[in-house]
Protein backbone atom coordinates (compact mmCIF):
# COMPACT_ATOMS: atom_id res chain seq x y z
CA UNK A 1 0.00 0.00 0.00
CA UNK A 2 1.28 3.45 -0.87
CA UNK A 3 0.75 6.42 1.43
CA UNK A 4 0.80 9.98 0.18
CA UNK A 5 2.84 11.97 2.67
CA UNK A 6 3.01 15.73 2.48
CA UNK A 7 4.14 18.97 3.99
CA UNK A 8 1.63 21.80 4.33
CA UNK A 9 2.67 25.45 4.08
CA UNK A 10 1.12 28.82 3.45
CA UNK A 11 1.71 30.26 -0.03
CA UNK A 12 4.21 32.72 1.48
CA UNK A 13 6.24 29.95 3.14
CA UNK A 14 5.93 27.69 0.09
CA UNK A 15 7.56 30.44 -1.99
CA UNK A 16 10.73 29.95 0.12
CA UNK A 17 10.91 26.23 -0.74
CA UNK A 18 14.26 25.31 -2.26
CA UNK A 19 13.94 21.52 -2.53
CA UNK A 20 11.70 18.64 -1.54
CA UNK A 21 12.74 15.01 -1.16
CA UNK A 22 10.84 11.85 -0.31
CA UNK A 23 13.27 9.51 1.45
CA UNK A 24 12.91 5.90 0.32
CA UNK A 25 15.20 3.04 1.21
CA UNK A 26 14.86 -0.56 2.36
CA UNK A 27 15.07 0.28 6.09
CA UNK A 28 12.27 2.83 5.83
CA UNK A 29 10.11 0.49 3.73
CA UNK A 30 10.50 -2.19 6.42
CA UNK A 31 9.76 0.18 9.32
CA UNK A 32 6.71 2.01 7.97
CA UNK A 33 4.36 2.43 5.04
CA UNK A 34 4.95 6.20 5.30
CA UNK A 35 7.95 7.93 3.76
CA UNK A 36 9.79 10.83 5.40
CA UNK A 37 9.43 14.05 3.44
CA UNK A 38 12.34 16.49 3.76
CA UNK A 39 11.81 20.11 2.75
CA UNK A 40 14.60 22.65 2.51
CA UNK A 41 13.69 26.33 2.71
CA UNK A 42 15.61 29.51 2.02
CA UNK A 43 16.24 31.19 5.36
CA UNK A 44 15.98 34.67 3.86
CA UNK A 45 12.75 33.63 2.10
CA UNK A 46 11.30 32.33 5.37
CA UNK A 47 12.25 35.53 7.16
CA UNK A 48 10.47 37.54 4.47
CA UNK A 49 7.39 35.30 4.61
CA UNK A 50 7.18 35.31 8.39
CA UNK A 51 7.83 39.04 8.82
CA UNK A 52 4.79 39.81 6.64
CA UNK A 53 2.46 37.29 8.22
CA UNK A 54 -0.76 38.25 9.93
CA UNK A 55 -1.02 37.62 13.68
CA UNK A 56 -2.84 34.43 14.59
CA UNK A 57 -6.08 34.95 16.52
CA UNK A 58 -6.13 33.25 19.92
PDB file of N, CA and C in Angstrom:
ATOM      1  N   UNK A   1       0.841  -1.181   0.000  1.00  0.00           N
ATOM      2  CA  UNK A   1       0.000   0.000   0.000  1.00  0.00           C
ATOM      3  C   UNK A   1       0.883   1.240   0.000  1.00  0.00           C
ATOM      4  N   UNK A   2       0.527   2.198  -0.801  1.00  0.00           N
ATOM      5  CA  UNK A   2       1.277   3.449  -0.875  1.00  0.00           C
ATOM      6  C   UNK A   2       0.558   4.538  -0.109  1.00  0.00           C
ATOM      7  N   UNK A   3       1.293   5.278   0.700  1.00  0.00           N
ATOM      8  CA  UNK A   3       0.750   6.422   1.425  1.00  0.00           C
ATOM      9  C   UNK A   3       1.226   7.694   0.738  1.00  0.00           C
ATOM     10  N   UNK A   4       0.402   8.691   0.715  1.00  0.00           N
ATOM     11  CA  UNK A   4       0.801   9.982   0.184  1.00  0.00           C
ATOM     12  C   UNK A   4       1.119  10.875   1.369  1.00  0.00           C
ATOM     13  N   UNK A   5       2.395  11.124   1.568  1.00  0.00           N
ATOM     14  CA  UNK A   5       2.841  11.974   2.665  1.00  0.00           C
ATOM     15  C   UNK A   5       3.092  13.366   2.112  1.00  0.00           C
ATOM     16  N   UNK A   6       2.916  14.361   2.961  1.00  0.00           N
ATOM     17  CA  UNK A   6       3.006  15.733   2.477  1.00  0.00           C
ATOM     18  C   UNK A   6       3.470  16.680   3.555  1.00  0.00           C
ATOM     19  N   UNK A   7       3.813  17.857   3.104  1.00  0.00           N
ATOM     20  CA  UNK A   7       4.140  18.974   3.987  1.00  0.00           C
ATOM     21  C   UNK A   7       3.193  20.102   3.608  1.00  0.00           C
ATOM     22  N   UNK A   8       2.560  20.694   4.587  1.00  0.00           N
ATOM     23  CA  UNK A   8       1.632  21.802   4.333  1.00  0.00           C
ATOM     24  C   UNK A   8       2.323  23.119   4.681  1.00  0.00           C
ATOM     25  N   UNK A   9       2.079  24.131   3.847  1.00  0.00           N
ATOM     26  CA  UNK A   9       2.668  25.452   4.081  1.00  0.00           C
ATOM     27  C   UNK A   9       1.758  26.511   3.485  1.00  0.00           C
ATOM     28  N   UNK A  10       1.837  27.700   4.039  1.00  0.00           N
ATOM     29  CA  UNK A  10       1.120  28.824   3.453  1.00  0.00           C
ATOM     30  C   UNK A  10       1.774  29.161   2.110  1.00  0.00           C
ATOM     31  N   UNK A  11       1.085  29.869   1.240  1.00  0.00           N
ATOM     32  CA  UNK A  11       1.711  30.265  -0.033  1.00  0.00           C
ATOM     33  C   UNK A  11       2.995  31.072   0.181  1.00  0.00           C
ATOM     34  N   UNK A  12       3.027  31.908   1.214  1.00  0.00           N
ATOM     35  CA  UNK A  12       4.211  32.718   1.482  1.00  0.00           C
ATOM     36  C   UNK A  12       5.405  31.844   1.872  1.00  0.00           C
ATOM     37  N   UNK A  13       5.170  30.859   2.728  1.00  0.00           N
ATOM     38  CA  UNK A  13       6.243  29.948   3.144  1.00  0.00           C
ATOM     39  C   UNK A  13       6.621  29.028   1.983  1.00  0.00           C
ATOM     40  N   UNK A  14       5.652  28.560   1.232  1.00  0.00           N
ATOM     41  CA  UNK A  14       5.932  27.688   0.087  1.00  0.00           C
ATOM     42  C   UNK A  14       6.828  28.381  -0.930  1.00  0.00           C
ATOM     43  N   UNK A  15       6.723  29.701  -1.052  1.00  0.00           N
ATOM     44  CA  UNK A  15       7.564  30.444  -1.988  1.00  0.00           C
ATOM     45  C   UNK A  15       9.040  30.358  -1.600  1.00  0.00           C
ATOM     46  N   UNK A  16       9.346  30.063  -0.351  1.00  0.00           N
ATOM     47  CA  UNK A  16      10.728  29.955   0.120  1.00  0.00           C
ATOM     48  C   UNK A  16      11.282  28.533  -0.035  1.00  0.00           C
ATOM     49  N   UNK A  17      10.471  27.613  -0.557  1.00  0.00           N
ATOM     50  CA  UNK A  17      10.907  26.227  -0.737  1.00  0.00           C
ATOM     51  C   UNK A  17      12.031  26.151  -1.757  1.00  0.00           C
ATOM     52  N   UNK A  18      13.109  25.472  -1.379  1.00  0.00           N
ATOM     53  CA  UNK A  18      14.261  25.306  -2.263  1.00  0.00           C
ATOM     54  C   UNK A  18      14.259  23.902  -2.859  1.00  0.00           C
ATOM     55  N   UNK A  19      13.970  22.894  -2.030  1.00  0.00           N
ATOM     56  CA  UNK A  19      13.938  21.517  -2.525  1.00  0.00           C
ATOM     57  C   UNK A  19      13.027  20.670  -1.647  1.00  0.00           C
ATOM     58  N   UNK A  20      12.584  19.575  -2.236  1.00  0.00           N
ATOM     59  CA  UNK A  20      11.699  18.638  -1.542  1.00  0.00           C
ATOM     60  C   UNK A  20      12.143  17.237  -1.912  1.00  0.00           C
ATOM     61  N   UNK A  21      12.280  16.375  -0.911  1.00  0.00           N
ATOM     62  CA  UNK A  21      12.741  15.013  -1.161  1.00  0.00           C
ATOM     63  C   UNK A  21      11.906  14.028  -0.355  1.00  0.00           C
ATOM     64  N   UNK A  22      11.486  12.959  -0.992  1.00  0.00           N
ATOM     65  CA  UNK A  22      10.845  11.845  -0.308  1.00  0.00           C
ATOM     66  C   UNK A  22      11.924  10.790  -0.115  1.00  0.00           C
ATOM     67  N   UNK A  23      12.200  10.444   1.139  1.00  0.00           N
ATOM     68  CA  UNK A  23      13.269   9.505   1.448  1.00  0.00           C
ATOM     69  C   UNK A  23      12.726   8.085   1.365  1.00  0.00           C
ATOM     70  N   UNK A  24      13.339   7.284   0.500  1.00  0.00           N
ATOM     71  CA  UNK A  24      12.910   5.904   0.322  1.00  0.00           C
ATOM     72  C   UNK A  24      14.142   5.016   0.324  1.00  0.00           C
ATOM     73  N   UNK A  25      14.178   4.087   1.243  1.00  0.00           N
ATOM     74  CA  UNK A  25      15.201   3.042   1.211  1.00  0.00           C
ATOM     75  C   UNK A  25      14.634   1.802   1.884  1.00  0.00           C
ATOM     76  N   UNK A  26      15.372   0.722   1.852  1.00  0.00           N
ATOM     77  CA  UNK A  26      14.855  -0.555   2.359  1.00  0.00           C
ATOM     78  C   UNK A  26      14.522  -0.498   3.844  1.00  0.00           C
ATOM     79  N   UNK A  27      15.339   0.195   4.655  1.00  0.00           N
ATOM     80  CA  UNK A  27      15.068   0.280   6.093  1.00  0.00           C
ATOM     81  C   UNK A  27      13.753   1.008   6.362  1.00  0.00           C
ATOM     82  N   UNK A  28      13.517   2.074   5.636  1.00  0.00           N
ATOM     83  CA  UNK A  28      12.274   2.827   5.826  1.00  0.00           C
ATOM     84  C   UNK A  28      11.081   2.015   5.355  1.00  0.00           C
ATOM     85  N   UNK A  29      11.211   1.339   4.228  1.00  0.00           N
ATOM     86  CA  UNK A  29      10.114   0.494   3.734  1.00  0.00           C
ATOM     87  C   UNK A  29       9.734  -0.572   4.760  1.00  0.00           C
ATOM     88  N   UNK A  30      10.751  -1.133   5.427  1.00  0.00           N
ATOM     89  CA  UNK A  30      10.504  -2.187   6.416  1.00  0.00           C
ATOM     90  C   UNK A  30       9.857  -1.627   7.680  1.00  0.00           C
ATOM     91  N   UNK A  31      10.227  -0.394   8.055  1.00  0.00           N
ATOM     92  CA  UNK A  31       9.759   0.183   9.319  1.00  0.00           C
ATOM     93  C   UNK A  31       8.361   0.780   9.230  1.00  0.00           C
ATOM     94  N   UNK A  32       7.976   1.286   8.053  1.00  0.00           N
ATOM     95  CA  UNK A  32       6.715   2.009   7.965  1.00  0.00           C
ATOM     96  C   UNK A  32       6.209   2.043   6.532  1.00  0.00           C
ATOM     97  N   UNK A  33       4.906   2.243   6.383  1.00  0.00           N
ATOM     98  CA  UNK A  33       4.362   2.430   5.042  1.00  0.00           C
ATOM     99  C   UNK A  33       4.290   3.920   4.701  1.00  0.00           C
ATOM    100  N   UNK A  34       4.816   4.771   5.569  1.00  0.00           N
ATOM    101  CA  UNK A  34       4.949   6.203   5.301  1.00  0.00           C
ATOM    102  C   UNK A  34       6.393   6.493   4.935  1.00  0.00           C
ATOM    103  N   UNK A  35       6.606   7.533   4.166  1.00  0.00           N
ATOM    104  CA  UNK A  35       7.946   7.928   3.761  1.00  0.00           C
ATOM    105  C   UNK A  35       8.244   9.315   4.314  1.00  0.00           C
ATOM    106  N   UNK A  36       9.427   9.493   4.923  1.00  0.00           N
ATOM    107  CA  UNK A  36       9.788  10.831   5.398  1.00  0.00           C
ATOM    108  C   UNK A  36       9.873  11.803   4.224  1.00  0.00           C
ATOM    109  N   UNK A  37       9.362  12.991   4.439  1.00  0.00           N
ATOM    110  CA  UNK A  37       9.432  14.053   3.441  1.00  0.00           C
ATOM    111  C   UNK A  37      10.325  15.145   4.029  1.00  0.00           C
ATOM    112  N   UNK A  38      11.386  15.490   3.295  1.00  0.00           N
ATOM    113  CA  UNK A  38      12.341  16.489   3.763  1.00  0.00           C
ATOM    114  C   UNK A  38      12.227  17.719   2.873  1.00  0.00           C
ATOM    115  N   UNK A  39      11.918  18.844   3.485  1.00  0.00           N
ATOM    116  CA  UNK A  39      11.812  20.107   2.752  1.00  0.00           C
ATOM    117  C   UNK A  39      12.934  21.025   3.199  1.00  0.00           C
ATOM    118  N   UNK A  40      13.560  21.673   2.227  1.00  0.00           N
ATOM    119  CA  UNK A  40      14.600  22.653   2.512  1.00  0.00           C
ATOM    120  C   UNK A  40      14.088  24.019   2.060  1.00  0.00           C
ATOM    121  N   UNK A  41      14.187  24.979   2.979  1.00  0.00           N
ATOM    122  CA  UNK A  41      13.691  26.326   2.706  1.00  0.00           C
ATOM    123  C   UNK A  41      14.837  27.326   2.734  1.00  0.00           C
ATOM    124  N   UNK A  42      14.687  28.391   1.973  1.00  0.00           N
ATOM    125  CA  UNK A  42      15.613  29.506   2.017  1.00  0.00           C
ATOM    126  C   UNK A  42      15.366  30.275   3.311  1.00  0.00           C
ATOM    127  N   UNK A  43      16.405  30.476   4.099  1.00  0.00           N
ATOM    128  CA  UNK A  43      16.241  31.190   5.363  1.00  0.00           C
ATOM    129  C   UNK A  43      15.789  32.627   5.119  1.00  0.00           C
ATOM    130  N   UNK A  44      16.383  33.287   4.142  1.00  0.00           N
ATOM    131  CA  UNK A  44      15.980  34.673   3.863  1.00  0.00           C
ATOM    132  C   UNK A  44      14.530  34.708   3.360  1.00  0.00           C
ATOM    133  N   UNK A  45      14.133  33.698   2.570  1.00  0.00           N
ATOM    134  CA  UNK A  45      12.746  33.627   2.101  1.00  0.00           C
ATOM    135  C   UNK A  45      11.775  33.398   3.237  1.00  0.00           C
ATOM    136  N   UNK A  46      12.158  32.557   4.192  1.00  0.00           N
ATOM    137  CA  UNK A  46      11.304  32.327   5.366  1.00  0.00           C
ATOM    138  C   UNK A  46      11.186  33.590   6.208  1.00  0.00           C
ATOM    139  N   UNK A  47      12.304  34.277   6.386  1.00  0.00           N
ATOM    140  CA  UNK A  47      12.253  35.526   7.161  1.00  0.00           C
ATOM    141  C   UNK A  47      11.303  36.523   6.515  1.00  0.00           C
ATOM    142  N   UNK A  48      11.380  36.634   5.190  1.00  0.00           N
ATOM    143  CA  UNK A  48      10.471  37.540   4.465  1.00  0.00           C
ATOM    144  C   UNK A  48       9.022  37.104   4.669  1.00  0.00           C
ATOM    145  N   UNK A  49       8.762  35.813   4.490  1.00  0.00           N
ATOM    146  CA  UNK A  49       7.392  35.303   4.609  1.00  0.00           C
ATOM    147  C   UNK A  49       6.838  35.505   6.015  1.00  0.00           C
ATOM    148  N   UNK A  50       7.660  35.234   7.009  1.00  0.00           N
ATOM    149  CA  UNK A  50       7.177  35.315   8.390  1.00  0.00           C
ATOM    150  C   UNK A  50       7.093  36.747   8.897  1.00  0.00           C
ATOM    151  N   UNK A  51       7.887  37.649   8.348  1.00  0.00           N
ATOM    152  CA  UNK A  51       7.826  39.040   8.818  1.00  0.00           C
ATOM    153  C   UNK A  51       6.588  39.757   8.276  1.00  0.00           C
ATOM    154  N   UNK A  52       5.987  39.206   7.223  1.00  0.00           N
ATOM    155  CA  UNK A  52       4.791  39.810   6.636  1.00  0.00           C
ATOM    156  C   UNK A  52       3.520  39.046   6.994  1.00  0.00           C
ATOM    157  N   UNK A  53       3.632  38.103   7.900  1.00  0.00           N
ATOM    158  CA  UNK A  53       2.463  37.287   8.217  1.00  0.00           C
ATOM    159  C   UNK A  53       1.524  38.034   9.169  1.00  0.00           C
ATOM    160  N   UNK A  54       0.261  37.683   9.055  1.00  0.00           N
ATOM    161  CA  UNK A  54      -0.756  38.248   9.933  1.00  0.00           C
ATOM    162  C   UNK A  54      -0.697  37.558  11.286  1.00  0.00           C
ATOM    163  N   UNK A  55      -0.978  38.272  12.368  1.00  0.00           N
ATOM    164  CA  UNK A  55      -1.018  37.621  13.685  1.00  0.00           C
ATOM    165  C   UNK A  55      -2.125  36.565  13.723  1.00  0.00           C
ATOM    166  N   UNK A  56      -1.854  35.500  14.457  1.00  0.00           N
ATOM    167  CA  UNK A  56      -2.838  34.426  14.590  1.00  0.00           C
ATOM    168  C   UNK A  56      -3.778  34.765  15.745  1.00  0.00           C
ATOM    169  N   UNK A  57      -5.086  34.671  15.495  1.00  0.00           N
ATOM    170  CA  UNK A  57      -6.082  34.951  16.523  1.00  0.00           C
ATOM    171  C   UNK A  57      -6.054  33.853  17.574  1.00  0.00           C
ATOM    172  N   UNK A  58      -6.168  34.230  18.837  1.00  0.00           N
ATOM    173  CA  UNK A  58      -6.132  33.249  19.923  1.00  0.00           C
ATOM    174  C   UNK A  58      -7.474  32.607  20.140  1.00  0.00           C
TER     175      UNK A  58
END
